[in-house]
Structure formats: C-alpha cells, structure tokens
C-alpha atoms as a PDB file:
ATOM      1  CA  MET A   1      33.883 -18.380  12.904  1.00  0.00           C
ATOM      2  CA  ASN A   2      34.429 -16.569   9.589  1.00  0.00           C
ATOM      3  CA  ASP A   3      34.796 -12.799   9.414  1.00  0.00           C
ATOM      4  CA  GLY A   4      31.641 -10.896   8.474  1.00  0.00           C
ATOM      5  CA  VAL A   5      29.282 -13.442  10.009  1.00  0.00           C
ATOM      6  CA  VAL A   6      25.580 -12.539  10.212  1.00  0.00           C
ATOM      7  CA  LEU A   7      23.868 -13.107  13.567  1.00  0.00           C
ATOM      8  CA  ILE A   8      20.144 -12.763  14.280  1.00  0.00           C
ATOM      9  CA  ASN A   9      18.437 -13.123  17.652  1.00  0.00           C
ATOM     10  CA  VAL A  10      14.649 -12.967  17.814  1.00  0.00           C
ATOM     11  CA  SER A  11      14.361 -15.468  20.658  1.00  0.00           C
ATOM     12  CA  HIS A  12      15.120 -13.978  24.080  1.00  0.00           C
ATOM     13  CA  GLY A  13      17.541 -11.591  25.715  1.00  0.00           C
ATOM     14  CA  GLY A  14      20.881 -12.980  26.802  1.00  0.00           C
ATOM     15  CA  LEU A  15      21.013 -15.731  24.195  1.00  0.00           C
ATOM     16  CA  TYR A  16      24.207 -14.077  22.932  1.00  0.00           C
ATOM     17  CA  ASN A  17      26.750 -12.480  25.248  1.00  0.00           C
ATOM     18  CA  GLU A  18      26.219  -8.801  24.504  1.00  0.00           C
ATOM     19  CA  ASP A  19      29.789  -7.818  25.446  1.00  0.00           C
ATOM     20  CA  ALA A  20      31.082 -10.408  22.969  1.00  0.00           C
ATOM     21  CA  LEU A  21      28.672  -9.083  20.329  1.00  0.00           C
ATOM     22  CA  TYR A  22      30.022  -5.581  20.876  1.00  0.00           C
ATOM     23  CA  GLU A  23      33.635  -6.699  20.451  1.00  0.00           C
ATOM     24  CA  GLY A  24      32.712  -8.758  17.380  1.00  0.00           C
ATOM     25  CA  LEU A  25      31.031  -5.789  15.734  1.00  0.00           C
ATOM     26  CA  LYS A  26      33.929  -3.526  16.629  1.00  0.00           C
ATOM     27  CA  SER A  27      36.509  -5.897  15.122  1.00  0.00           C
ATOM     28  CA  GLY A  28      34.503  -6.756  12.000  1.00  0.00           C
ATOM     29  CA  LYS A  29      34.126 -10.397  12.952  1.00  0.00           C
ATOM     30  CA  ILE A  30      30.359  -9.774  12.956  1.00  0.00           C
ATOM     31  CA  GLY A  31      29.258  -8.265   9.657  1.00  0.00           C
ATOM     32  CA  PHE A  32      25.622  -7.752  10.602  1.00  0.00           C
ATOM     33  CA  LEU A  33      23.533  -8.174  13.740  1.00  0.00           C
ATOM     34  CA  GLY A  34      19.750  -8.349  13.820  1.00  0.00           C
ATOM     35  CA  ILE A  35      18.250  -8.280  17.287  1.00  0.00           C
ATOM     36  CA  ASP A  36      14.798  -7.644  18.715  1.00  0.00           C
ATOM     37  CA  THR A  37      15.331  -8.617  22.332  1.00  0.00           C
ATOM     38  CA  PHE A  38      18.025  -7.449  24.734  1.00  0.00           C
ATOM     39  CA  LEU A  39      19.153  -8.625  28.145  1.00  0.00           C
ATOM     40  CA  ASN A  40      17.940  -5.375  29.687  1.00  0.00           C
ATOM     41  CA  GLU A  41      14.922  -3.626  28.184  1.00  0.00           C
ATOM     42  CA  PRO A  42      14.013  -1.029  27.119  1.00  0.00           C
ATOM     43  CA  ALA A  43      17.384  -0.862  25.381  1.00  0.00           C
ATOM     44  CA  THR A  44      17.220   2.756  24.237  1.00  0.00           C
ATOM     45  CA  ALA A  45      20.854   3.437  25.218  1.00  0.00           C
ATOM     46  CA  ASP A  46      22.355   0.008  24.550  1.00  0.00           C
ATOM     47  CA  LYS A  47      25.914   0.157  23.220  1.00  0.00           C
ATOM     48  CA  LEU A  48      25.064  -2.264  20.394  1.00  0.00           C
ATOM     49  CA  LEU A  49      22.937   0.462  18.840  1.00  0.00           C
ATOM     50  CA  GLU A  50      26.074   2.508  18.115  1.00  0.00           C
ATOM     51  CA  PHE A  51      26.787   0.438  14.987  1.00  0.00           C
ATOM     52  CA  ASP A  52      25.298   1.084  11.541  1.00  0.00           C
ATOM     53  CA  ASN A  53      25.294  -2.650  10.766  1.00  0.00           C
ATOM     54  CA  VAL A  54      22.924  -3.419  13.649  1.00  0.00           C
ATOM     55  CA  THR A  55      19.185  -3.555  13.064  1.00  0.00           C
ATOM     56  CA  ALA A  56      17.036  -3.561  16.193  1.00  0.00           C
ATOM     57  CA  THR A  57      13.274  -3.951  16.193  1.00  0.00           C
ATOM     58  CA  PRO A  58      10.615  -3.478  18.882  1.00  0.00           C
ATOM     59  CA  HIS A  59      10.015  -6.569  20.969  1.00  0.00           C
ATOM     60  CA  ILE A  60       6.634  -7.582  22.376  1.00  0.00           C
ATOM     61  CA  LYS A  61       7.014 -10.286  24.989  1.00  0.00           C
ATOM     62  CA  SER A  62       4.685 -13.284  24.795  1.00  0.00           C
ATOM     63  CA  ALA A  63       4.746 -14.549  28.352  1.00  0.00           C
ATOM     64  CA  THR A  64       2.019 -17.199  28.170  1.00  0.00           C
ATOM     65  CA  LYS A  65       1.331 -20.150  25.915  1.00  0.00           C
ATOM     66  CA  GLU A  66      -1.945 -18.591  24.739  1.00  0.00           C
ATOM     67  CA  VAL A  67      -0.256 -15.322  23.741  1.00  0.00           C
ATOM     68  CA  GLN A  68       2.496 -17.215  21.910  1.00  0.00           C
ATOM     69  CA  ILE A  69      -0.136 -19.128  19.921  1.00  0.00           C
ATOM     70  CA  ASN A  70      -2.033 -15.941  19.030  1.00  0.00           C
ATOM     71  CA  ILE A  71       1.122 -14.085  17.948  1.00  0.00           C
ATOM     72  CA  SER A  72       2.187 -17.099  15.872  1.00  0.00           C
ATOM     73  CA  LYS A  73      -1.193 -17.130  14.117  1.00  0.00           C
ATOM     74  CA  GLN A  74      -1.056 -13.380  13.420  1.00  0.00           C
ATOM     75  CA  SER A  75       2.519 -13.574  12.120  1.00  0.00           C
ATOM     76  CA  THR A  76       1.693 -16.517   9.857  1.00  0.00           C
ATOM     77  CA  LYS A  77      -1.330 -14.758   8.351  1.00  0.00           C
ATOM     78  CA  GLN A  78       0.716 -11.615   7.678  1.00  0.00           C
ATOM     79  CA  ALA A  79       3.536 -13.653   6.110  1.00  0.00           C
ATOM     80  CA  VAL A  80       1.060 -15.346   3.754  1.00  0.00           C
ATOM     81  CA  LEU A  81      -0.401 -11.967   2.720  1.00  0.00           C
ATOM     82  CA  ALA A  82       3.088 -10.596   2.099  1.00  0.00           C
ATOM     83  CA  ALA A  83       4.070 -13.650   0.035  1.00  0.00           C
ATOM     84  CA  ARG A  84       0.944 -13.192  -2.082  1.00  0.00           C
ATOM     85  CA  ASN A  85       1.771  -9.501  -2.596  1.00  0.00           C
ATOM     86  CA  ILE A  86      -1.385  -8.490  -0.735  1.00  0.00           C
ATOM     87  CA  SER A  87      -1.342  -5.468   1.582  1.00  0.00           C
ATOM     88  CA  TYR A  88      -0.406  -6.439   5.103  1.00  0.00           C
ATOM     89  CA  LEU A  89      -0.747  -4.146   8.066  1.00  0.00           C
ATOM     90  CA  ASN A  90       1.609  -5.246  10.822  1.00  0.00           C
ATOM     91  CA  PRO A  91       5.071  -3.730  10.523  1.00  0.00           C
ATOM     92  CA  VAL A  92       7.752  -5.752  12.324  1.00  0.00           C
ATOM     93  CA  ASN A  93       5.826  -7.159  15.295  1.00  0.00           C
ATOM     94  CA  LEU A  94       3.884  -4.045  16.244  1.00  0.00           C
ATOM     95  CA  PRO A  95       0.259  -4.872  15.374  1.00  0.00           C
ATOM     96  CA  LEU A  96      -2.274  -2.312  14.287  1.00  0.00           C
ATOM     97  CA  ASP A  97      -4.866  -2.237  17.047  1.00  0.00           C
ATOM     98  CA  THR A  98      -8.333  -2.696  15.517  1.00  0.00           C
ATOM     99  CA  THR A  99     -10.044  -4.150  18.582  1.00  0.00           C
ATOM    100  CA  SER A 100     -11.972  -0.979  19.351  1.00  0.00           C
ATOM    101  CA  LEU A 101     -13.145  -0.402  15.774  1.00  0.00           C
ATOM    102  CA  PRO A 102     -16.721  -1.135  14.685  1.00  0.00           C
ATOM    103  CA  SER A 103     -16.921  -4.069  12.297  1.00  0.00           C
ATOM    104  CA  PHE A 104     -17.980  -1.881   9.350  1.00  0.00           C
ATOM    105  CA  VAL A 105     -14.709   0.079   9.547  1.00  0.00           C
ATOM    106  CA  LYS A 106     -12.334  -2.882   9.258  1.00  0.00           C
ATOM    107  CA  PRO A 107     -12.841  -3.595   5.514  1.00  0.00           C
ATOM    108  CA  PHE A 108     -11.938   0.042   4.843  1.00  0.00           C
ATOM    109  CA  ILE A 109      -8.424  -0.608   6.188  1.00  0.00           C
ATOM    110  CA  GLU A 110      -7.456  -2.621   3.126  1.00  0.00           C
ATOM    111  CA  LEU A 111      -9.601  -0.561   0.746  1.00  0.00           C
ATOM    112  CA  THR A 112      -7.879   2.663   1.825  1.00  0.00           C
ATOM    113  CA  GLN A 113      -4.467   1.258   0.970  1.00  0.00           C
ATOM    114  CA  LYS A 114      -5.636  -0.193  -2.331  1.00  0.00           C
ATOM    115  CA  ILE A 115      -7.310   2.911  -3.735  1.00  0.00           C
ATOM    116  CA  SER A 116      -4.309   4.964  -2.622  1.00  0.00           C
ATOM    117  CA  SER A 117      -1.945   2.556  -4.357  1.00  0.00           C
ATOM    118  CA  LEU A 118      -4.029   2.665  -7.532  1.00  0.00           C
ATOM    119  CA  GLY A 119      -4.157   6.445  -7.434  1.00  0.00           C
ATOM    120  CA  ILE A 120      -0.402   6.956  -7.324  1.00  0.00           C
ATOM    121  CA  GLN A 121       0.292   4.247  -9.917  1.00  0.00           C
ATOM    122  CA  ALA A 122      -2.159   5.929 -12.294  1.00  0.00           C
ATOM    123  CA  ASN A 123      -0.247   9.198 -11.917  1.00  0.00           C
ATOM    124  CA  SER A 124       3.236   9.541 -13.401  1.00  0.00           C
ATOM    125  CA  GLY A 125       4.481  12.573 -11.472  1.00  0.00           C
ATOM    126  CA  SER A 126       6.400  13.073  -8.221  1.00  0.00           C
ATOM    127  CA  LEU A 127       4.166  12.978  -5.155  1.00  0.00           C
ATOM    128  CA  ARG A 128       3.216  16.304  -3.595  1.00  0.00           C
ATOM    129  CA  ALA A 129      -0.027  15.839  -1.639  1.00  0.00           C
ATOM    130  CA  VAL A 130      -2.514  13.236  -0.429  1.00  0.00           C
ATOM    131  CA  GLN A 131      -6.034  14.146   0.621  1.00  0.00           C
ATOM    132  CA  LEU A 132      -8.516  11.730   2.130  1.00  0.00           C
ATOM    133  CA  SER A 133     -12.221  12.502   2.351  1.00  0.00           C
ATOM    134  CA  ALA A 134     -15.298  10.512   3.238  1.00  0.00           C
ATOM    135  CA  GLU A 135     -19.062  10.486   3.256  1.00  0.00           C
ATOM    136  CA  GLY A 136     -21.129   8.614   5.815  1.00  0.00           C
ATOM    137  CA  GLU A 137     -20.178   7.117   9.172  1.00  0.00           C
ATOM    138  CA  ILE A 138     -16.710   6.204   7.934  1.00  0.00           C
ATOM    139  CA  SER A 139     -15.839   9.911   8.038  1.00  0.00           C
ATOM    140  CA  GLU A 140     -15.569   9.608  11.832  1.00  0.00           C
ATOM    141  CA  TYR A 141     -12.503   7.386  11.363  1.00  0.00           C
ATOM    142  CA  LEU A 142     -10.512   9.458   8.881  1.00  0.00           C
ATOM    143  CA  ASN A 143      -7.770  10.193  11.427  1.00  0.00           C
ATOM    144  CA  PHE A 144      -7.263   6.432  11.739  1.00  0.00           C
ATOM    145  CA  LEU A 145      -7.325   5.845   7.960  1.00  0.00           C
ATOM    146  CA  MET A 146      -5.032   8.735   6.971  1.00  0.00           C
ATOM    147  CA  PRO A 147      -1.751   6.888   7.740  1.00  0.00           C
ATOM    148  CA  LEU A 148      -3.071   3.912   5.775  1.00  0.00           C
ATOM    149  CA  ALA A 149      -3.667   6.115   2.738  1.00  0.00           C
ATOM    150  CA  LEU A 150      -0.130   7.472   3.005  1.00  0.00           C
ATOM    151  CA  THR A 151       1.223   3.949   3.363  1.00  0.00           C
ATOM    152  CA  GLY A 152      -0.609   2.798   0.239  1.00  0.00           C
ATOM    153  CA  VAL A 153       0.773   5.731  -1.731  1.00  0.00           C
ATOM    154  CA  MET A 154       4.372   5.792  -0.509  1.00  0.00           C
ATOM    155  CA  LYS A 155       4.958   2.029  -0.589  1.00  0.00           C
ATOM    156  CA  GLN A 156       5.144   2.343  -4.363  1.00  0.00           C
ATOM    157  CA  SER A 157       8.436   4.227  -4.104  1.00  0.00           C
ATOM    158  CA  LEU A 158       9.729   3.428  -0.611  1.00  0.00           C
ATOM    159  CA  GLY A 159       8.676  -0.199  -0.210  1.00  0.00           C
ATOM    160  CA  ASP A 160       8.456  -1.777   3.230  1.00  0.00           C
ATOM    161  CA  GLN A 161      10.340   1.013   4.978  1.00  0.00           C
ATOM    162  CA  VAL A 162       7.018   2.867   5.203  1.00  0.00           C
ATOM    163  CA  ASN A 163       4.238   1.561   7.432  1.00  0.00           C
ATOM    164  CA  TYR A 164       1.225   2.679   9.441  1.00  0.00           C
ATOM    165  CA  GLN A 165       3.354   3.832  12.367  1.00  0.00           C
ATOM    166  CA  ASN A 166       5.826   6.005  10.431  1.00  0.00           C
ATOM    167  CA  ALA A 167       3.879   7.075   7.320  1.00  0.00           C
ATOM    168  CA  GLU A 168       3.013  10.581   8.511  1.00  0.00           C
ATOM    169  CA  GLU A 169       6.570  11.222   9.708  1.00  0.00           C
ATOM    170  CA  ILE A 170       8.041  10.086   6.378  1.00  0.00           C
ATOM    171  CA  ALA A 171       5.536  12.252   4.492  1.00  0.00           C
ATOM    172  CA  ASN A 172       6.587  15.294   6.520  1.00  0.00           C
ATOM    173  CA  GLU A 173      10.282  14.531   5.934  1.00  0.00           C
ATOM    174  CA  ASN A 174       9.648  14.443   2.176  1.00  0.00           C
ATOM    175  CA  ALA A 175       7.549  17.635   2.066  1.00  0.00           C
ATOM    176  CA  ILE A 176       4.413  15.673   1.162  1.00  0.00           C
ATOM    177  CA  THR A 177       1.337  17.436   2.482  1.00  0.00           C
ATOM    178  CA  PHE A 178      -1.665  15.457   3.696  1.00  0.00           C
ATOM    179  CA  ASP A 179      -5.020  16.094   5.298  1.00  0.00           C
ATOM    180  CA  TYR A 180      -8.494  14.642   5.620  1.00  0.00           C
ATOM    181  CA  THR A 181     -12.009  16.023   5.600  1.00  0.00           C
ATOM    182  CA  SER A 182     -15.556  14.763   5.973  1.00  0.00           C
ATOM    183  CA  LYS A 183     -18.292  15.645   3.493  1.00  0.00           C
ATOM    184  CA  ALA A 184     -22.064  15.596   3.510  1.00  0.00           C
ATOM    185  CA  ASN A 185     -23.445  12.425   1.972  1.00  0.00           C
ATOM    186  CA  SER A 186     -24.232  13.376  -1.626  1.00  0.00           C
ATOM    187  CA  SER A 187     -24.125   9.941  -3.241  1.00  0.00           C
ATOM    188  CA  ALA A 188     -26.051   6.687  -3.249  1.00  0.00           C
ATOM    189  CA  TYR A 189     -23.437   5.002  -1.061  1.00  0.00           C
ATOM    190  CA  LYS A 190     -23.856   4.572   2.674  1.00  0.00           C
ATOM    191  CA  ASN A 191     -20.120   5.089   3.119  1.00  0.00           C
ATOM    192  CA  LYS A 192     -17.703   6.350   0.491  1.00  0.00           C
ATOM    193  CA  LEU A 193     -13.997   7.002   0.747  1.00  0.00           C
ATOM    194  CA  THR A 194     -12.102   9.275  -1.646  1.00  0.00           C
ATOM    195  CA  VAL A 195      -8.351   9.657  -2.019  1.00  0.00           C
ATOM    196  CA  THR A 196      -7.016  12.556  -4.070  1.00  0.00           C
ATOM    197  CA  ILE A 197      -3.357  12.394  -5.051  1.00  0.00           C
ATOM    198  CA  THR A 198      -1.524  15.414  -6.411  1.00  0.00           C
ATOM    199  CA  THR A 199       1.826  15.100  -8.163  1.00  0.00           C
ATOM    200  CA  THR A 200       4.006  17.383 -10.234  1.00  0.00           C
ATOM    201  CA  ASN A 201       2.091  16.230 -13.333  1.00  0.00           C
ATOM    202  CA  ALA A 202      -1.558  15.776 -12.422  1.00  0.00           C
ATOM    203  CA  THR A 203      -4.224  15.091  -9.824  1.00  0.00           C
ATOM    204  CA  THR A 204      -5.825  11.660  -9.573  1.00  0.00           C
ATOM    205  CA  LYS A 205      -9.011  10.997  -7.635  1.00  0.00           C
ATOM    206  CA  VAL A 206     -10.237   7.512  -6.696  1.00  0.00           C
ATOM    207  CA  ASP A 207     -13.503   6.662  -4.909  1.00  0.00           C
ATOM    208  CA  GLY A 208     -14.157   3.381  -3.131  1.00  0.00           C
ATOM    209  CA  THR A 209     -16.833   1.820  -0.977  1.00  0.00           C
ATOM    210  CA  ILE A 210     -17.760  -1.353   0.873  1.00  0.00           C
ATOM    211  CA  PHE A 211     -21.044  -3.023  -0.022  1.00  0.00           C
ATOM    212  CA  ALA A 212     -22.939  -5.675   1.933  1.00  0.00           C
ATOM    213  CA  ASP A 213     -20.966  -8.787   2.932  1.00  0.00           C
ATOM    214  CA  ASN A 214     -17.784  -6.665   2.956  1.00  0.00           C
ATOM    215  CA  ILE A 215     -17.567  -6.478  -0.839  1.00  0.00           C
ATOM    216  CA  ALA A 216     -15.017  -3.809  -1.791  1.00  0.00           C
ATOM    217  CA  ARG A 217     -15.363  -1.779  -4.973  1.00  0.00           C
ATOM    218  CA  ILE A 218     -13.726   1.127  -6.734  1.00  0.00           C
ATOM    219  CA  VAL A 219     -16.705   3.170  -7.906  1.00  0.00           C
ATOM    220  CA  SER A 220     -15.074   6.030  -9.790  1.00  0.00           C
ATOM    221  CA  ILE A 221     -11.747   7.314 -11.072  1.00  0.00           C
ATOM    222  CA  ASN A 222     -11.385  11.030 -11.790  1.00  0.00           C
ATOM    223  CA  ASP A 223     -15.161  11.401 -11.343  1.00  0.00           C
ATOM    224  CA  ILE A 224     -15.941   8.861 -14.076  1.00  0.00           C
ATOM    225  CA  MET A 225     -18.173   6.157 -12.640  1.00  0.00           C
ATOM    226  CA  LEU A 226     -16.975   2.549 -12.807  1.00  0.00           C
ATOM    227  CA  ASP A 227     -17.420  -0.707 -10.918  1.00  0.00           C
ATOM    228  CA  ILE A 228     -14.074  -2.405 -10.297  1.00  0.00           C
ATOM    229  CA  ILE A 229     -12.838  -5.062  -7.895  1.00  0.00           C
ATOM    230  CA  PRO A 230      -9.726  -3.494  -6.303  1.00  0.00           C
ATOM    231  CA  SER A 231      -7.376  -6.364  -7.055  1.00  0.00           C
ATOM    232  CA  GLY A 232      -5.128  -7.598  -9.843  1.00  0.00           C
ATOM    233  CA  LYS A 233      -3.387  -6.213 -12.912  1.00  0.00           C
ATOM    234  CA  MET A 234      -5.070  -3.325 -14.720  1.00  0.00           C
ATOM    235  CA  LEU A 235      -4.572  -1.072 -17.703  1.00  0.00           C
ATOM    236  CA  ILE A 236      -6.159   2.312 -17.007  1.00  0.00           C
ATOM    237  CA  PHE A 237      -6.790   4.143 -20.259  1.00  0.00           C
ATOM    238  CA  GLN A 238      -8.330   7.593 -20.675  1.00  0.00           C
ATOM    239  CA  ASN A 239      -9.663   8.504 -24.090  1.00  0.00           C
ATOM    240  CA  SER A 240     -12.029  10.724 -26.007  1.00  0.00           C
ATOM    241  CA  ASP A 241     -15.482   9.170 -26.162  1.00  0.00           C
ATOM    242  CA  VAL A 242     -15.339   8.128 -29.819  1.00  0.00           C
ATOM    243  CA  PRO A 243     -15.900   4.858 -31.708  1.00  0.00           C
ATOM    244  CA  GLY A 244     -13.066   2.364 -32.059  1.00  0.00           C
ATOM    245  CA  VAL A 245     -11.442   2.656 -28.632  1.00  0.00           C
ATOM    246  CA  ILE A 246     -12.272  -0.852 -27.418  1.00  0.00           C
ATOM    247  CA  ALA A 247     -11.115  -2.302 -30.740  1.00  0.00           C
ATOM    248  CA  ASP A 248      -7.811  -0.394 -30.568  1.00  0.00           C
ATOM    249  CA  ILE A 249      -7.020  -1.545 -27.034  1.00  0.00           C
ATOM    250  CA  SER A 250      -8.101  -5.138 -27.622  1.00  0.00           C
ATOM    251  CA  LYS A 251      -6.075  -5.449 -30.826  1.00  0.00           C
ATOM    252  CA  THR A 252      -2.944  -3.969 -29.261  1.00  0.00           C
ATOM    253  CA  LEU A 253      -3.111  -6.193 -26.182  1.00  0.00           C
ATOM    254  CA  SER A 254      -3.929  -9.404 -28.048  1.00  0.00           C
ATOM    255  CA  SER A 255      -1.122  -8.850 -30.563  1.00  0.00           C
ATOM    256  CA  ASN A 256       1.260  -8.729 -27.591  1.00  0.00           C
ATOM    257  CA  ASN A 257      -0.145 -11.907 -25.991  1.00  0.00           C
ATOM    258  CA  ILE A 258      -1.925 -10.050 -23.189  1.00  0.00           C
ATOM    259  CA  ASN A 259      -5.163 -11.767 -22.203  1.00  0.00           C
ATOM    260  CA  ILE A 260      -8.120  -9.562 -21.231  1.00  0.00           C
ATOM    261  CA  ALA A 261     -10.010 -10.880 -18.201  1.00  0.00           C
ATOM    262  CA  ASP A 262     -12.495  -8.008 -17.916  1.00  0.00           C
ATOM    263  CA  PHE A 263     -13.165  -4.643 -19.538  1.00  0.00           C
ATOM    264  CA  ARG A 264     -14.916  -1.759 -17.750  1.00  0.00           C
ATOM    265  CA  LEU A 265     -15.729   1.524 -19.454  1.00  0.00           C
ATOM    266  CA  GLY A 266     -17.057   4.720 -17.900  1.00  0.00           C
ATOM    267  CA  ARG A 267     -18.170   7.985 -19.520  1.00  0.00           C
ATOM    268  CA  ASP A 268     -18.614  11.470 -18.089  1.00  0.00           C
ATOM    269  CA  GLY A 269     -21.143  12.709 -20.666  1.00  0.00           C
ATOM    270  CA  LYS A 270     -18.780  15.519 -21.675  1.00  0.00           C
ATOM    271  CA  GLY A 271     -16.886  13.686 -24.382  1.00  0.00           C
ATOM    272  CA  ASN A 272     -14.432  11.895 -22.083  1.00  0.00           C
ATOM    273  CA  ALA A 273     -14.233   8.216 -21.198  1.00  0.00           C
ATOM    274  CA  LEU A 274     -12.047   5.990 -19.065  1.00  0.00           C
ATOM    275  CA  ALA A 275     -11.425   2.282 -19.517  1.00  0.00           C
ATOM    276  CA  VAL A 276     -10.109  -0.151 -16.932  1.00  0.00           C
ATOM    277  CA  VAL A 277      -8.909  -3.358 -18.553  1.00  0.00           C
ATOM    278  CA  ILE A 278      -8.228  -6.278 -16.207  1.00  0.00           C
ATOM    279  CA  VAL A 279      -5.416  -8.376 -17.685  1.00  0.00           C
ATOM    280  CA  ASP A 280      -3.724 -11.659 -16.809  1.00  0.00           C
ATOM    281  CA  GLN A 281      -0.168 -10.567 -17.588  1.00  0.00           C
ATOM    282  CA  ARG A 282       1.963  -7.574 -16.685  1.00  0.00           C
ATOM    283  CA  ILE A 283       2.215  -4.845 -19.310  1.00  0.00           C
ATOM    284  CA  SER A 284       5.798  -3.893 -20.151  1.00  0.00           C
ATOM    285  CA  LYS A 285       7.010  -0.308 -20.390  1.00  0.00           C
ATOM    286  CA  SER A 286       7.498  -0.673 -24.135  1.00  0.00           C
ATOM    287  CA  LEU A 287       3.949  -1.948 -24.648  1.00  0.00           C
ATOM    288  CA  LEU A 288       2.595   0.827 -22.438  1.00  0.00           C
ATOM    289  CA  ALA A 289       4.430   3.341 -24.624  1.00  0.00           C
ATOM    290  CA  THR A 290       2.796   1.783 -27.694  1.00  0.00           C
ATOM    291  CA  ILE A 291      -0.634   2.116 -26.078  1.00  0.00           C
ATOM    292  CA  ASN A 292       0.033   5.754 -25.203  1.00  0.00           C
ATOM    293  CA  ASP A 293       0.855   6.377 -28.871  1.00  0.00           C
ATOM    294  CA  LEU A 294      -2.593   5.218 -30.030  1.00  0.00           C
ATOM    295  CA  ASP A 295      -4.641   7.985 -31.637  1.00  0.00           C
ATOM    296  CA  THR A 296      -7.542   7.232 -29.306  1.00  0.00           C
ATOM    297  CA  CYS A 297      -5.411   7.444 -26.134  1.00  0.00           C
ATOM    298  CA  ILE A 298      -5.095  10.521 -23.919  1.00  0.00           C
ATOM    299  CA  TRP A 299      -3.023   8.677 -21.321  1.00  0.00           C
ATOM    300  CA  ALA A 300      -2.567   5.117 -20.106  1.00  0.00           C
ATOM    301  CA  GLN A 301      -0.948   3.541 -17.046  1.00  0.00           C
ATOM    302  CA  PHE A 302      -0.405  -0.013 -15.854  1.00  0.00           C
ATOM    303  CA  VAL A 303      -1.503  -0.624 -12.258  1.00  0.00           C
ATOM    304  CA  GLU A 304      -1.146  -3.648 -10.017  1.00  0.00           C
ATOM    305  CA  ILE A 305      -2.807  -3.902  -6.604  1.00  0.00           C
END
C-alpha cells in the first residue's frame, strides 16, 4: 500500500482494524481517514480522533430493510438537489426533522434560505446582522426558521461548512448578531416572511410569501414591491425613476450576449425604482462594473439562487 493512502469507511464499525488505522495514521502510511461508524459507539473519546487528517461524521444506524430504503431515498434526493445547485437541508446524515410541522410551514423552509441568500448577494458589505420577522401564522415558527435564514446567508461565504445544526454557533463565533420577531399582519398576504440583512455597507430587506399550491414568491426588495420567482440568475438594479432605464440595461446586456428571460420593475412612488432582470447567463464582474457605471444606475448586483 502506497504512503498517504486515503481510506473511507461509511459501512459498519470494525470493517477496518482500528489499531492498525491508528498506527497507519501515526506513521503517515494513511494520509486521510474518513469514518462515520466505529467499533464502539458513541466514539467521543476514540483515539482516532486525535489526528487532524481524520474526519468523523455522526452515524445513524439503519437496522431494518425498510429504514435502509428510506434513508437511501432521502440521501438520493438530497444528492440530486446538491448537484443541481438547489438548497438542500440535510447536513451529513443528520436529517432536519419536519414531521411535526404543519404542511403550510414546509415550503417556507426553502423560501427562507432563498430570500436570505438573495439578500446577502445583493449587499456588498461584510455581514453584521440578520433579522427575521413574519406576519401571520408562520410567525409561530420563527425559532425553527432562524437557523435556516442564517444558513442561507452564510453559505455564500462559508459554503457547506455551515448548516442548520451549526448556523447559530458559527454566527456567534463570527460576531454576527441575529434575532427574530413577529409582527401584526399589515399586508394582503396570509403569511409573509421578511429577512433584513445588515452589513458594513448597507441594509437589505427581502420579503417572501407562499401562495396557494405552494407557489413561492419574492414580493418586495427594500420595500419596493415586485413579483419574482425565487430561482435562477438575476441582475438586481436600483435606479432613479426616470425614462431610459430599461433601454440602458437591455442594450448593455444584449451587447454582451446576455439573454433576458424576464424583466420586473418596481417603484416606490418617491422617485426610486428597482429592476430585477432574469438572465440566462452569468454576469461577469467586469460587466457588472460596466452596469454600475451607467448614469441611470444607483447600484447593481448579480444574484444566483
């Protein structure tokens, strides 16, 4: 066996001789060990955990054929979502328990992450605070949704190392404040969720809701009303409410071979407007800089959710 070999055991405890693994790690024969099941569990004090090149993950035993089938189905679905770059909820093999949730809450799981992701991508500063608020019955589940909001925000910089289980801990470690609050229903929506993200540069506010048949929508950004499907590649563009804005954006995108799939424009009645342009291609940093230099542009950001 070559030096620096990589060994992974996600089958059952005792498949590898753990004393031999220890000696191999100590000598350098084993370069990396990934293991999620030990001979004796829980393995909180196992000697293999002494090494920095060992990754151990929580193990949930599937003792019956039926449980094995169900876990296989869940894992496959999550793998497909991950491959499609769609938010997936189950870190490692520790599922998020949604069995006790009312059916109307479940679509808000994905929506919470998506509006949080959009909010931080639309804001160019360093993260300082995340606030989650809600109107309607969904406000009773804010304590459940708060870690999901943090996950949606922090995944942009930390990737898969942040998940539902550790999001609040990571936020605390990075001096990111977070809280949630319920509000009286003051809108036309039965349930509305709002994430407010504060950075060193600005504050971004995104509202979302779930309509009948579990249809998710972003309904406002920075208090400017819109109607957006929370999915895909988007150019978010704030401007003064003057003629020529749509023409400027369209010309700039088309001249750079960016196809516009949809164009949504909202106005606040105070001279400000915000456009969300759904595009088929990613917008490069250089093109985004060109857009920000347009006379009609206050700020612009490329977002992908």
